[in-house]
N, C-alpha and C. Protein backbone atom coordinates (compact mmCIF):
# COMPACT_ATOMS: atom_id res chain seq x y z
N MET A 1 165.37 47.32 98.10
CA MET A 1 165.30 47.94 99.42
C MET A 1 166.02 49.27 99.44
N LYS A 2 167.23 49.26 98.86
CA LYS A 2 168.01 50.50 98.85
C LYS A 2 167.28 51.59 98.06
N GLN A 3 166.69 51.21 96.93
CA GLN A 3 165.98 52.18 96.10
C GLN A 3 164.82 52.78 96.88
N ARG A 4 164.14 51.94 97.66
CA ARG A 4 163.01 52.41 98.47
C ARG A 4 163.47 53.47 99.48
N ILE A 5 164.62 53.24 100.09
CA ILE A 5 165.16 54.21 101.06
C ILE A 5 165.49 55.52 100.35
N ILE A 6 166.08 55.40 99.16
CA ILE A 6 166.43 56.61 98.40
C ILE A 6 165.15 57.38 98.04
N ASP A 7 164.12 56.66 97.61
CA ASP A 7 162.85 57.31 97.28
C ASP A 7 162.25 57.99 98.50
N LEU A 8 162.30 57.29 99.62
CA LEU A 8 161.77 57.86 100.87
C LEU A 8 162.53 59.13 101.23
N ALA A 9 163.84 59.08 101.10
CA ALA A 9 164.66 60.25 101.45
C ALA A 9 164.31 61.41 100.54
N ARG A 10 164.12 61.11 99.25
CA ARG A 10 163.78 62.18 98.30
C ARG A 10 162.43 62.79 98.65
N GLU A 11 161.45 61.93 98.95
CA GLU A 11 160.13 62.44 99.33
C GLU A 11 160.22 63.25 100.61
N ALA A 12 160.97 62.75 101.57
CA ALA A 12 161.10 63.44 102.85
C ALA A 12 161.72 64.81 102.65
N ARG A 13 162.69 64.89 101.75
CA ARG A 13 163.34 66.17 101.51
C ARG A 13 162.36 67.18 100.91
N LEU A 14 161.56 66.73 99.95
CA LEU A 14 160.56 67.62 99.36
C LEU A 14 159.55 68.05 100.41
N TRP A 15 159.13 67.08 101.24
CA TRP A 15 158.15 67.35 102.28
C TRP A 15 158.72 68.36 103.27
N LEU A 16 159.97 68.16 103.66
CA LEU A 16 160.62 69.09 104.58
C LEU A 16 160.65 70.49 103.99
N ARG A 17 161.04 70.56 102.70
CA ARG A 17 161.15 71.87 102.07
C ARG A 17 159.78 72.55 102.01
N ASP A 18 158.73 71.77 101.76
CA ASP A 18 157.40 72.36 101.62
C ASP A 18 156.76 72.71 102.96
N ILE A 19 157.16 72.01 104.02
CA ILE A 19 156.50 72.22 105.32
C ILE A 19 157.37 73.06 106.24
N ILE A 20 158.63 72.67 106.38
CA ILE A 20 159.47 73.27 107.42
C ILE A 20 159.78 74.73 107.09
N ILE A 21 160.14 75.01 105.84
CA ILE A 21 160.55 76.37 105.49
C ILE A 21 159.40 77.37 105.70
N PRO A 22 158.19 77.09 105.22
CA PRO A 22 157.09 78.02 105.54
C PRO A 22 156.83 78.13 107.04
N ALA A 23 156.97 77.01 107.77
CA ALA A 23 156.73 77.05 109.21
C ALA A 23 157.77 77.94 109.89
N VAL A 24 159.03 77.78 109.50
CA VAL A 24 160.09 78.62 110.06
C VAL A 24 159.83 80.09 109.72
N GLY A 25 159.43 80.34 108.49
CA GLY A 25 159.11 81.70 108.09
C GLY A 25 157.97 82.28 108.91
N ALA A 26 156.94 81.48 109.14
CA ALA A 26 155.79 81.95 109.93
C ALA A 26 156.21 82.25 111.36
N ILE A 27 157.04 81.35 111.94
CA ILE A 27 157.50 81.56 113.32
C ILE A 27 158.34 82.83 113.40
N ALA A 28 159.24 83.01 112.44
CA ALA A 28 160.08 84.21 112.43
C ALA A 28 159.21 85.46 112.28
N PHE A 29 158.20 85.38 111.42
CA PHE A 29 157.31 86.53 111.20
C PHE A 29 156.56 86.87 112.49
N VAL A 30 156.07 85.85 113.18
CA VAL A 30 155.33 86.09 114.43
C VAL A 30 156.25 86.70 115.47
N ALA A 31 157.48 86.16 115.57
CA ALA A 31 158.43 86.69 116.55
C ALA A 31 158.75 88.15 116.23
N MET A 32 158.97 88.45 114.96
CA MET A 32 159.30 89.82 114.56
C MET A 32 158.12 90.76 114.83
N SER A 33 156.91 90.32 114.49
CA SER A 33 155.76 91.20 114.66
C SER A 33 155.48 91.41 116.14
N GLU A 34 155.78 90.40 116.97
CA GLU A 34 155.60 90.57 118.41
C GLU A 34 156.56 91.65 118.93
N ASN A 35 157.81 91.58 118.48
CA ASN A 35 158.79 92.59 118.89
C ASN A 35 158.37 93.97 118.38
N ALA A 36 157.91 94.03 117.13
CA ALA A 36 157.49 95.30 116.56
C ALA A 36 156.31 95.86 117.35
N TYR A 37 155.41 94.99 117.76
CA TYR A 37 154.23 95.39 118.53
C TYR A 37 154.66 95.99 119.86
N LYS A 38 155.61 95.32 120.54
CA LYS A 38 156.10 95.84 121.82
C LYS A 38 156.79 97.18 121.63
N ARG A 39 157.63 97.28 120.59
CA ARG A 39 158.35 98.52 120.34
C ARG A 39 157.35 99.64 120.04
N TYR A 40 156.34 99.34 119.23
CA TYR A 40 155.32 100.32 118.90
C TYR A 40 154.63 100.81 120.16
N HIS A 41 154.30 99.90 121.07
CA HIS A 41 153.63 100.30 122.30
C HIS A 41 154.54 101.14 123.17
N ALA A 42 155.83 100.79 123.23
CA ALA A 42 156.77 101.58 124.02
C ALA A 42 156.84 103.00 123.47
N ILE A 43 156.89 103.13 122.14
CA ILE A 43 156.96 104.45 121.52
C ILE A 43 155.67 105.23 121.78
N MET A 44 154.53 104.55 121.64
CA MET A 44 153.26 105.24 121.84
C MET A 44 153.11 105.68 123.29
N ASP A 45 153.55 104.85 124.24
CA ASP A 45 153.49 105.25 125.65
C ASP A 45 154.38 106.46 125.87
N HIS A 46 155.56 106.43 125.25
CA HIS A 46 156.48 107.56 125.38
C HIS A 46 155.83 108.83 124.84
N VAL A 47 155.19 108.74 123.67
CA VAL A 47 154.55 109.90 123.07
C VAL A 47 153.41 110.39 123.97
N ARG A 48 152.63 109.46 124.51
CA ARG A 48 151.49 109.82 125.33
C ARG A 48 151.93 110.47 126.64
N ASN A 49 153.05 110.00 127.21
CA ASN A 49 153.48 110.49 128.52
C ASN A 49 154.39 111.70 128.43
N ARG A 50 154.64 112.16 127.19
CA ARG A 50 155.53 113.32 127.02
C ARG A 50 154.91 114.55 127.66
N LYS A 51 155.74 115.34 128.25
CA LYS A 51 155.27 116.67 128.73
C LYS A 51 155.29 117.64 127.54
N PRO A 52 154.38 118.56 127.49
CA PRO A 52 154.39 119.54 126.41
C PRO A 52 155.70 120.32 126.41
N GLY A 53 156.24 120.53 125.23
CA GLY A 53 157.48 121.30 125.10
C GLY A 53 158.73 120.48 125.32
N GLN A 54 158.60 119.17 125.52
CA GLN A 54 159.78 118.30 125.65
C GLN A 54 159.81 117.32 124.50
N PRO A 55 161.00 116.91 124.09
CA PRO A 55 161.10 115.95 122.98
C PRO A 55 160.62 114.56 123.43
């Protein structure tokens, strides 16, 4: 019984490493790209709304 629990724990750890880490990476990537997208739009709006001769 104890060996079965140890095997299960080992499998679960591998499964966690294979599933959770890529999922966390994907979530972080989406969050970062969303922020980058918003920042890009803010900059583009700023550029578009600039008056000629002003920075």
